[in-house]
Amino acid sequence: MLRKSDYEERILKEIRKLPIEALPKLYRLISLIKEEFLSREAVSERLNEGINHKRTRSLLSTSKSNWARDVIMDREDRI
């Protein structure tokens, strides 16, 4: 199992590979993920009912672009 510093290093390497135009979008996604992990509501719902997909979907829907399409395009770039 990797240590926290190993994960941080891997994440930073991936971020450094991104074009500067992608950084604001990445920041928004990280903020959404952080909110999902740290909000008390999400924690209590996860414990009682599992992951709240409706809430996650609503958070991602506030994005200015199509997140699913971006993920698909990233995957195609790697092929």
Protein backbone atom coordinates (compact mmCIF):
# COMPACT_ATOMS: atom_id res chain seq x y z
CA MET A 1 0.00 0.00 0.00
CA LEU A 2 1.26 3.45 -0.90
CA ARG A 3 1.84 6.14 1.68
CA LYS A 4 0.12 9.51 1.64
CA SER A 5 3.24 11.20 0.28
CA ASP A 6 3.38 8.66 -2.58
CA TYR A 7 -0.18 9.49 -3.57
CA GLU A 8 0.50 13.22 -3.31
CA GLU A 9 3.53 12.85 -5.56
CA ARG A 10 1.55 10.87 -8.14
CA ILE A 11 -1.27 13.42 -8.11
CA LEU A 12 1.13 16.34 -8.53
CA LYS A 13 2.86 14.62 -11.45
CA GLU A 14 -0.49 14.20 -13.20
CA ILE A 15 -1.42 17.83 -12.52
CA ARG A 16 1.89 19.06 -13.93
CA LYS A 17 1.19 17.18 -17.17
CA LEU A 18 -2.06 19.09 -17.74
CA PRO A 19 -2.23 22.20 -19.89
CA ILE A 20 -2.75 25.41 -17.95
CA GLU A 21 -6.25 25.78 -19.42
CA ALA A 22 -7.34 22.62 -17.57
CA LEU A 23 -6.33 23.85 -14.12
CA PRO A 24 -9.47 25.90 -13.31
CA LYS A 25 -11.64 22.94 -14.24
CA LEU A 26 -9.49 20.60 -12.17
CA TYR A 27 -9.74 22.97 -9.23
CA ARG A 28 -13.57 22.95 -9.47
CA LEU A 29 -13.61 19.16 -9.57
CA ILE A 30 -11.30 18.87 -6.57
CA SER A 31 -13.50 21.31 -4.67
CA LEU A 32 -16.56 19.21 -5.45
CA ILE A 33 -14.83 16.02 -4.38
CA LYS A 34 -13.57 17.64 -1.19
CA GLU A 35 -17.05 18.90 -0.35
CA GLU A 36 -18.46 15.42 -0.94
CA PHE A 37 -15.93 13.81 1.40
CA LEU A 38 -15.99 16.43 4.13
CA SER A 39 -19.62 17.44 4.39
CA ARG A 40 -21.39 16.04 7.41
CA GLU A 41 -24.47 15.35 5.33
CA ALA A 42 -22.51 13.19 2.91
CA VAL A 43 -20.85 11.28 5.75
CA SER A 44 -24.13 10.55 7.53
CA GLU A 45 -25.88 9.57 4.29
CA ARG A 46 -23.01 7.30 3.29
CA LEU A 47 -23.15 5.55 6.62
CA ASN A 48 -26.92 5.13 6.52
CA GLU A 49 -27.78 4.74 2.86
CA GLY A 50 -24.58 4.38 0.88
CA ILE A 51 -23.17 6.93 -1.55
CA ASN A 52 -25.55 9.72 -2.51
CA HIS A 53 -25.46 9.57 -6.30
CA LYS A 54 -28.20 12.17 -6.63
CA ARG A 55 -26.13 14.73 -4.73
CA THR A 56 -22.98 13.89 -6.71
CA ARG A 57 -24.91 14.18 -9.98
CA SER A 58 -26.26 17.59 -8.96
CA LEU A 59 -22.76 18.81 -8.04
CA LEU A 60 -21.32 17.67 -11.36
CA SER A 61 -24.23 19.20 -13.25
CA THR A 62 -23.07 22.65 -12.11
CA SER A 63 -19.93 22.20 -14.18
CA LYS A 64 -19.71 24.46 -17.23
CA SER A 65 -18.69 21.59 -19.49
CA ASN A 66 -19.69 17.99 -20.04
CA TRP A 67 -17.65 16.04 -17.51
CA ALA A 68 -18.47 12.63 -18.99
CA ARG A 69 -17.42 13.76 -22.48
CA ASP A 70 -14.16 15.13 -21.08
CA VAL A 71 -13.39 11.81 -19.39
CA ILE A 72 -14.09 9.92 -22.63
CA MET A 73 -11.86 12.29 -24.61
CA ASP A 74 -9.06 11.89 -22.07
CA ARG A 75 -9.30 8.12 -22.41
CA GLU A 76 -9.22 8.36 -26.20
CA ASP A 77 -6.11 10.50 -25.99
CA ARG A 78 -4.34 7.73 -24.08
CA ILE A 79 -5.22 5.00 -26.55
